[in-house]
Structures are given as C-alpha cells and as structure tokens.
Amino acid sequence: MTVFDEFEKVKRDFPQILVIYGENDELVQELKIQLLSFVHFDATDLGQAYFDLTTANAQLALEELESLPFFSESKLVILENLVNLTTIKKSVFDEKQLGRFEHFLDNPVETTQLVLILHGKLDSRLKVVKKLKMKASLLEAAELKNFELIQYFTHLTKLPKPILTRISEKSGDNFAVMKQNIELVKTYAAGREITLDDVEKVVPKSLQDNIFALSDLIFKGKIDEVRELVHDLTLQGEDLIKILAILTNSFRLYLQVKIMQSKNWQESQQVSQLKIHPYPVKLANQLVRKINLTELSNALLLLIELDFQLKNSVADKDYLFDVVLIKLTLKNV
C-alpha cells in the first residue's frame, strides 16, 4: 500500500491530528497539494489557517492553534516546516514555544484539527515526537517502487500500462520527473490517443539511457560517435566524473549479467538477484550477449583505474577520459 492509498483511507475518517512527512520532497509536496484540494483550502476562510514556519511568525501560529474558532464550529490549522520535529539541525520554535506545542498535544482544542507537513525524517529520539506518534495519524511519503508508480499514475491518468511503463523507464522511476513527462506527452498528443512513439519522441533521455547508448557505441567500436556523445553530455552540464561513475556502475552490471547469462539465468532471476529495476537488466542482456566475459572484466578494471586517475592525477581529465574510451572501443572493433 502506497502513501496515497493510506491518504485515501485517512480522508474517509479525517483525524484530529495528521502528520505528513518524509525525505522525498516531491511526494510530500504532492500530498500537500492533494490535502489542500481535499479540504477546499481558502486563505480567506476564517475557519482555516496555514503557516509556513520558515517565514511565518511562530507566535501567531501557536495562538491560532490554541484559540477557539470564530464564525465556524471548527477550525483547521496547517503548519508546514516545523523543523524542530525532524532530524534537520534547525528550529523555528524556541524552547518555550515548543513547550506550548507539546501542551496542545496533551490537551488539544476539540474543535481544532491540526495538520503538520514536514519535509524530512521525524526525530524519534525527541519526547515531543514520541508524544506526537501516540496522538496523531502519520503519513510517511516513502519512495514509490516502479510498480507503485505505474499503479498510481494508471489510476490518476487512465493511460495504458505500456505507455506509463516506458515513461517510468525514461524518468528513472522518479515521481516528479515522471509526472512532468506525462504532462509533456499529453500536451504533445493534444487530446489524441498517446502512443509509444510519442513517448520516444517527446520524453528526453535520462543520463542512464545515454550511458547505455554510450556503452552500445563502445561495444560497436565507434570511437567518433562515442566522443560526440560524451561531448554532448558535458555540454548539457554533466560532469565527467559523474558520467564515469554511471558508466562504471553500468559495466559492473554488464559483468554481473554476463556471468548470469553463462549460468543460463533468466532475466527475472537476474532482477531478483540484483534487486534493481528490470529495465537496465533487460538492456544489459541485449548489450552483452556477444561480448566476451574477459573483455568486460578488463574494461571494468580500466574504468576503475580511470576513476582513480581523474581524482588524483594532475593530467587533463578530458585527455585521460579520451584515452580510456579509445582503449575500450579498440577492444570491440
């Protein structure tokens, strides 16, 4: 069950104190949007109050929390970024104000509902957090797995699973990126049925996709195209060390997959063993089918050595990177 499923349950019996929290900022933000929509939040409504405590007056926020509602039978108070409750080493409430907040938890105003929106991990060592966990309903915005992302956006957009699966692959299973790419494709399709071709045309390649393309060019011995792709990536702002890190991890995956291929393992078995997304495993199987195991092992050693050189040598990084690319492509001509 995802945090969005849990939120649907919460909406059916809204608690007096609700805490939305998590280190995935995009998911916390999405839950905040859904919450504000659900309660029909209106800043002019005297029965509702919202305070972003990074900028709002903490004293006013506490007074709002402690006071009885006016012109309505109940009141909703939303406090965002009460960082005192998280592992972030900052505070917006001083010790006295935190004591007042704790007093509210002990003696909440019956007509007041409180929602806390926290961008971070709860600090479970704190007395006030322990008390909060006893008194409140908690929604943790935990990272969604691939199938959960697809399930969520299938329900939200009604798009076919193959379309969402490909968008998810090209979005690196990132919630915010996937949401953005879905809107991009929908805008491009302009109301007509979305196709996989639309996804390929419109959704930009992730760095991981580009690294797989780079690997394919290396295996085919196309040094000029390898250089051109690396040049394009650096022009886009990607750092050579970052490119190398992903390339090295990719070659490590290729080696693992090659070993599993030699044992006649199916892709599903490989995914289970490696505990990663099926998409890179699928690509790796396609790439290394005709590549020698020894060559992959030697290539990985070259990349590991290059990483050491880039971080410790005074030589030009572009030159060192290019030399290794030449060595890798020559082995595969």
Protein backbone atom coordinates (compact mmCIF):
# COMPACT_ATOMS: atom_id res chain seq x y z
CA MET A 1 0.00 0.00 0.00
CA THR A 2 1.39 3.40 -1.01
CA VAL A 3 1.14 6.60 1.00
CA PHE A 4 -1.53 7.78 -1.47
CA ASP A 5 -3.64 4.72 -0.67
CA GLU A 6 -3.22 5.50 3.02
CA PHE A 7 -4.26 9.10 2.39
CA GLU A 8 -7.47 7.89 0.72
CA LYS A 9 -8.26 5.95 3.90
CA VAL A 10 -7.45 8.99 6.05
CA LYS A 11 -9.85 11.16 4.04
CA ARG A 12 -12.75 8.85 4.91
CA ASP A 13 -12.23 9.49 8.64
CA PHE A 14 -10.11 12.60 8.96
CA PRO A 15 -8.13 12.58 12.25
CA GLN A 16 -7.80 15.49 14.64
CA ILE A 17 -4.02 15.48 14.18
CA LEU A 18 -2.41 14.41 10.91
CA VAL A 19 1.31 14.39 10.12
CA ILE A 20 2.58 14.24 6.54
CA TYR A 21 6.33 13.77 6.47
CA GLY A 22 9.20 12.26 4.54
CA GLU A 23 12.57 12.83 2.92
CA ASN A 24 11.13 12.60 -0.59
CA ASP A 25 10.24 16.25 -1.07
CA GLU A 26 8.30 15.68 -4.30
CA LEU A 27 5.95 13.19 -2.65
CA VAL A 28 5.43 15.40 0.40
CA GLN A 29 4.59 18.26 -1.96
CA GLU A 30 2.14 16.09 -3.90
CA LEU A 31 0.40 15.04 -0.69
CA LYS A 32 0.21 18.68 0.36
CA ILE A 33 -1.48 19.56 -2.94
CA GLN A 34 -3.98 16.73 -2.51
CA LEU A 35 -4.65 17.74 1.10
CA LEU A 36 -5.35 21.38 0.21
CA SER A 37 -7.69 20.21 -2.54
CA PHE A 38 -9.48 17.78 -0.23
CA VAL A 39 -10.16 20.42 2.48
CA HIS A 40 -11.01 23.07 -0.16
CA PHE A 41 -8.43 25.34 1.40
CA ASP A 42 -9.21 29.02 1.11
CA ALA A 43 -6.88 31.58 2.67
CA THR A 44 -9.85 33.93 3.18
CA ASP A 45 -11.79 31.30 5.16
CA LEU A 46 -11.61 32.24 8.85
CA GLY A 47 -12.05 28.56 9.73
CA GLN A 48 -8.76 27.65 8.03
CA ALA A 49 -5.20 28.80 8.68
CA TYR A 50 -1.89 27.90 7.03
CA PHE A 51 1.59 28.79 8.30
CA ASP A 52 4.91 28.06 6.60
CA LEU A 53 7.07 28.30 9.70
CA THR A 54 10.23 29.08 7.74
CA THR A 55 8.78 32.54 7.12
CA ALA A 56 5.63 32.84 9.27
CA ASN A 57 5.51 34.22 12.81
CA ALA A 58 5.74 31.24 15.18
CA GLN A 59 3.89 33.15 17.92
CA LEU A 60 0.90 33.81 15.66
CA ALA A 61 0.86 30.17 14.55
CA LEU A 62 0.68 28.97 18.16
CA GLU A 63 -2.02 31.48 19.05
CA GLU A 64 -4.08 30.25 16.11
CA LEU A 65 -3.58 26.67 17.23
CA GLU A 66 -4.60 27.41 20.83
CA SER A 67 -7.59 29.67 20.16
CA LEU A 68 -11.23 28.72 19.67
CA PRO A 69 -12.76 29.05 16.19
CA PHE A 70 -14.64 32.19 15.18
CA PHE A 71 -17.65 32.25 12.84
CA SER A 72 -17.47 28.46 12.45
CA GLU A 73 -17.95 25.33 14.51
CA SER A 74 -14.44 24.00 13.87
CA LYS A 75 -11.06 25.13 12.64
CA LEU A 76 -8.26 23.64 10.54
CA VAL A 77 -4.66 24.69 11.22
CA ILE A 78 -1.88 23.63 8.85
CA LEU A 79 1.71 24.06 10.00
CA GLU A 80 4.43 23.39 7.45
CA ASN A 81 8.16 23.07 8.17
CA LEU A 82 8.06 22.65 11.94
CA VAL A 83 11.66 21.51 11.64
CA ASN A 84 12.06 21.11 15.41
CA LEU A 85 10.40 17.71 14.99
CA THR A 86 12.77 16.48 12.27
CA THR A 87 16.39 15.39 12.16
CA ILE A 88 17.27 18.68 10.44
CA LYS A 89 19.50 20.63 12.81
CA LYS A 90 17.37 23.78 12.78
CA SER A 91 14.48 25.15 14.81
CA VAL A 92 11.56 27.53 14.31
CA PHE A 93 10.10 27.20 17.81
CA ASP A 94 12.16 28.19 20.81
CA GLU A 95 12.05 26.01 23.93
CA LYS A 96 9.05 27.84 25.41
CA GLN A 97 7.10 27.70 22.14
CA LEU A 98 7.87 24.02 21.75
CA GLY A 99 6.51 23.51 25.26
CA ARG A 100 3.27 25.23 24.24
CA PHE A 101 3.02 22.98 21.19
CA GLU A 102 3.53 19.92 23.38
CA HIS A 103 0.82 21.21 25.73
CA PHE A 104 -1.57 21.35 22.75
CA LEU A 105 -0.78 17.70 22.02
CA ASP A 106 -1.65 16.85 25.62
CA ASN A 107 -4.79 18.99 25.63
CA PRO A 108 -5.90 19.60 22.05
CA VAL A 109 -8.75 22.04 21.45
CA GLU A 110 -11.60 19.72 20.49
CA THR A 111 -12.80 21.98 17.69
CA THR A 112 -9.36 22.30 16.10
CA GLN A 113 -7.84 19.94 13.56
CA LEU A 114 -4.07 20.13 13.08
CA VAL A 115 -2.10 19.06 10.01
CA LEU A 116 1.70 19.06 10.10
CA ILE A 117 3.61 18.97 6.81
CA LEU A 118 7.26 18.11 7.42
CA HIS A 119 9.95 17.87 4.77
CA GLY A 120 12.29 15.42 6.43
CA LYS A 121 12.61 12.48 8.79
CA LEU A 122 10.97 12.60 12.21
CA ASP A 123 13.45 12.68 15.07
CA SER A 124 12.14 9.73 17.09
CA ARG A 125 14.51 10.48 19.97
CA LEU A 126 12.56 13.60 20.95
CA LYS A 127 9.93 13.43 23.69
CA VAL A 128 7.55 15.62 21.69
CA VAL A 129 7.87 13.34 18.64
CA LYS A 130 7.17 10.26 20.74
CA LYS A 131 4.07 12.01 22.03
CA LEU A 132 3.09 13.05 18.50
CA LYS A 133 3.30 9.46 17.30
CA MET A 134 0.88 8.44 20.05
CA LYS A 135 -1.61 11.22 19.34
CA ALA A 136 -1.50 11.61 15.54
CA SER A 137 -2.10 9.73 12.32
CA LEU A 138 1.15 9.55 10.36
CA LEU A 139 1.62 9.51 6.60
CA GLU A 140 5.21 8.89 5.54
CA ALA A 141 5.99 9.90 1.97
CA ALA A 142 8.23 6.93 1.24
CA GLU A 143 9.83 6.38 -2.16
CA LEU A 144 7.46 4.61 -4.55
CA LYS A 145 8.61 1.42 -6.24
CA ASN A 146 8.32 1.05 -10.01
CA PHE A 147 5.06 -0.92 -9.95
CA GLU A 148 3.60 1.51 -7.38
CA LEU A 149 4.42 4.48 -9.62
CA ILE A 150 2.74 2.81 -12.58
CA GLN A 151 -0.26 1.81 -10.46
CA TYR A 152 -0.64 5.35 -9.09
CA PHE A 153 -0.40 7.10 -12.46
CA THR A 154 -2.65 4.49 -14.11
CA HIS A 155 -5.36 5.42 -11.61
CA LEU A 156 -4.62 9.14 -11.98
CA THR A 157 -4.29 9.42 -15.77
CA LYS A 158 -6.03 6.29 -17.16
CA LEU A 159 -3.10 5.89 -19.57
CA PRO A 160 -2.27 2.33 -20.73
CA LYS A 161 0.30 0.44 -18.68
CA PRO A 162 2.84 0.08 -21.59
CA ILE A 163 2.85 3.87 -22.03
CA LEU A 164 3.38 4.52 -18.31
CA THR A 165 5.98 1.77 -18.07
CA ARG A 166 8.08 3.40 -20.80
CA ILE A 167 7.66 6.87 -19.30
CA SER A 168 8.72 5.45 -15.94
CA GLU A 169 11.80 3.86 -17.53
CA LYS A 170 12.77 7.13 -19.20
CA SER A 171 12.09 9.04 -15.97
CA GLY A 172 14.37 6.86 -13.86
CA ASP A 173 11.41 5.91 -11.64
CA ASN A 174 11.45 9.45 -10.26
CA PHE A 175 7.96 10.59 -9.21
CA ALA A 176 8.39 14.29 -10.04
CA VAL A 177 10.15 13.62 -13.36
CA MET A 178 7.52 11.05 -14.35
CA LYS A 179 4.69 13.45 -13.54
CA GLN A 180 6.36 16.15 -15.62
CA ASN A 181 6.97 13.78 -18.54
CA ILE A 182 3.36 12.58 -18.53
CA GLU A 183 2.18 16.17 -18.89
CA LEU A 184 4.75 16.69 -21.65
CA VAL A 185 3.44 13.73 -23.64
CA LYS A 186 -0.21 14.69 -23.08
CA THR A 187 0.50 18.20 -24.34
CA TYR A 188 2.26 16.82 -27.41
CA ALA A 189 -0.60 14.41 -28.18
CA ALA A 190 -3.09 17.30 -27.89
CA GLY A 191 -6.05 15.15 -26.95
CA ARG A 192 -5.49 12.19 -29.26
CA GLU A 193 -4.50 8.72 -28.06
CA ILE A 194 -0.91 8.64 -26.83
CA THR A 195 1.44 6.15 -28.48
CA LEU A 196 4.82 4.70 -27.54
CA ASP A 197 6.25 6.63 -30.48
CA ASP A 198 5.05 9.86 -28.80
CA VAL A 199 6.91 8.88 -25.64
CA GLU A 200 10.13 8.18 -27.57
CA LYS A 201 9.88 11.48 -29.45
CA VAL A 202 8.97 13.77 -26.59
CA VAL A 203 10.40 12.42 -23.34
CA PRO A 204 14.11 13.29 -23.12
CA LYS A 205 16.63 10.56 -22.49
CA SER A 206 17.83 10.21 -18.93
CA LEU A 207 21.55 10.17 -18.20
CA GLN A 208 21.24 6.43 -17.59
CA ASP A 209 19.71 5.97 -21.07
CA ASN A 210 22.55 7.97 -22.58
CA ILE A 211 25.10 5.84 -20.76
CA PHE A 212 23.53 2.70 -22.21
CA ALA A 213 23.71 4.32 -25.65
CA LEU A 214 27.35 5.18 -24.95
CA SER A 215 28.04 1.56 -23.94
CA ASP A 216 26.43 0.31 -27.14
CA LEU A 217 28.69 2.59 -29.22
CA ILE A 218 31.74 1.40 -27.26
CA PHE A 219 30.86 -2.25 -27.90
CA LYS A 220 30.47 -1.45 -31.60
CA GLY A 221 33.88 0.26 -31.68
CA LYS A 222 32.50 3.62 -32.89
CA ILE A 223 35.02 5.97 -31.28
CA ASP A 224 33.92 9.11 -33.16
CA GLU A 225 30.30 8.67 -32.05
CA VAL A 226 31.45 7.81 -28.52
CA ARG A 227 33.40 11.06 -28.34
CA GLU A 228 30.49 13.04 -29.78
CA LEU A 229 28.04 11.67 -27.20
CA VAL A 230 30.42 12.36 -24.29
CA HIS A 231 30.94 15.88 -25.67
CA ASP A 232 27.16 16.42 -25.89
CA LEU A 233 26.67 15.24 -22.31
CA THR A 234 29.33 17.61 -20.98
CA LEU A 235 27.77 20.47 -22.95
CA GLN A 236 24.49 19.65 -21.18
CA GLY A 237 26.28 20.20 -17.87
CA GLU A 238 27.09 16.63 -16.92
CA ASP A 239 30.38 16.24 -15.07
CA LEU A 240 32.94 13.76 -16.41
CA ILE A 241 33.34 12.13 -13.01
CA LYS A 242 29.56 11.65 -12.78
CA ILE A 243 29.47 10.19 -16.31
CA LEU A 244 32.32 7.88 -15.39
CA ALA A 245 30.61 6.78 -12.15
CA ILE A 246 27.45 5.74 -14.01
CA LEU A 247 29.46 4.15 -16.82
CA THR A 248 31.47 2.15 -14.28
CA ASN A 249 28.31 1.00 -12.49
CA SER A 250 26.85 0.04 -15.86
CA PHE A 251 29.89 -2.07 -16.76
CA ARG A 252 29.70 -3.69 -13.34
CA LEU A 253 26.11 -4.59 -14.16
CA TYR A 254 27.14 -5.90 -17.61
CA LEU A 255 29.71 -8.16 -15.99
CA GLN A 256 27.20 -9.49 -13.46
CA VAL A 257 24.62 -10.11 -16.18
CA LYS A 258 27.19 -11.84 -18.39
CA ILE A 259 28.09 -14.19 -15.56
CA MET A 260 24.40 -14.94 -15.01
CA GLN A 261 23.90 -15.49 -18.73
CA SER A 262 26.70 -18.07 -18.63
CA LYS A 263 24.66 -19.89 -15.97
CA ASN A 264 21.53 -19.69 -18.15
CA TRP A 265 19.69 -17.47 -15.70
CA GLN A 266 16.50 -15.85 -16.99
CA GLU A 267 16.07 -12.06 -16.75
CA SER A 268 13.51 -12.46 -13.96
CA GLN A 269 16.07 -14.44 -11.93
CA GLN A 270 18.70 -11.78 -12.59
CA VAL A 271 16.39 -8.98 -11.45
CA SER A 272 15.56 -10.90 -8.29
CA GLN A 273 19.25 -11.46 -7.53
CA LEU A 274 20.40 -7.92 -8.37
CA LYS A 275 17.38 -6.25 -6.71
CA ILE A 276 17.20 -3.47 -9.30
CA HIS A 277 14.69 -2.21 -11.87
CA PRO A 278 14.04 -4.74 -14.68
CA TYR A 279 14.72 -2.18 -17.44
CA PRO A 280 18.53 -1.84 -17.05
CA VAL A 281 18.77 -5.64 -16.69
CA LYS A 282 16.87 -6.04 -19.96
CA LEU A 283 19.19 -3.56 -21.73
CA ALA A 284 22.28 -5.17 -20.23
CA ASN A 285 21.23 -8.59 -21.54
CA GLN A 286 20.85 -7.16 -25.02
CA LEU A 287 24.19 -5.37 -24.91
CA VAL A 288 26.48 -8.10 -23.59
CA ARG A 289 25.11 -11.17 -25.38
CA LYS A 290 28.00 -11.20 -27.87
CA ILE A 291 30.65 -9.66 -25.59
CA ASN A 292 33.44 -11.74 -24.09
CA LEU A 293 33.42 -12.09 -20.29
CA THR A 294 37.17 -11.38 -20.05
CA GLU A 295 36.79 -8.22 -22.13
CA LEU A 296 34.06 -6.96 -19.81
CA SER A 297 36.21 -7.67 -16.76
CA ASN A 298 39.19 -5.85 -18.26
CA ALA A 299 37.00 -2.91 -19.30
CA LEU A 300 35.67 -2.57 -15.77
CA LEU A 301 39.22 -2.53 -14.40
CA LEU A 302 40.12 0.22 -16.90
CA LEU A 303 37.19 2.34 -15.73
CA ILE A 304 38.02 1.82 -12.04
CA GLU A 305 41.62 2.84 -12.72
CA LEU A 306 40.41 5.90 -14.65
CA ASP A 307 38.28 6.96 -11.70
CA PHE A 308 41.38 6.92 -9.50
CA GLN A 309 43.35 8.91 -12.10
CA LEU A 310 40.66 11.57 -12.53
CA LYS A 311 40.52 12.15 -8.80
CA ASN A 312 44.27 12.07 -8.15
CA SER A 313 46.16 12.97 -11.33
CA VAL A 314 47.18 16.47 -12.40
CA ALA A 315 46.81 15.43 -16.04
CA ASP A 316 43.95 16.83 -18.14
CA LYS A 317 40.74 14.96 -17.28
CA ASP A 318 39.36 15.12 -20.82
CA TYR A 319 42.58 13.60 -22.14
CA LEU A 320 42.58 10.77 -19.58
CA PHE A 321 38.92 10.01 -20.30
CA ASP A 322 39.52 10.01 -24.07
CA VAL A 323 42.47 7.61 -23.80
CA VAL A 324 40.34 5.08 -21.92
CA LEU A 325 37.47 5.46 -24.41
CA ILE A 326 39.93 4.67 -27.23
CA LYS A 327 41.18 1.59 -25.36
CA LEU A 328 37.63 0.40 -24.76
CA THR A 329 36.44 0.88 -28.33
CA LEU A 330 39.56 -0.67 -29.90
CA LYS A 331 38.88 -3.86 -27.93
CA ASN A 332 35.48 -4.06 -29.57
CA VAL A 333 36.21 -3.14 -33.20
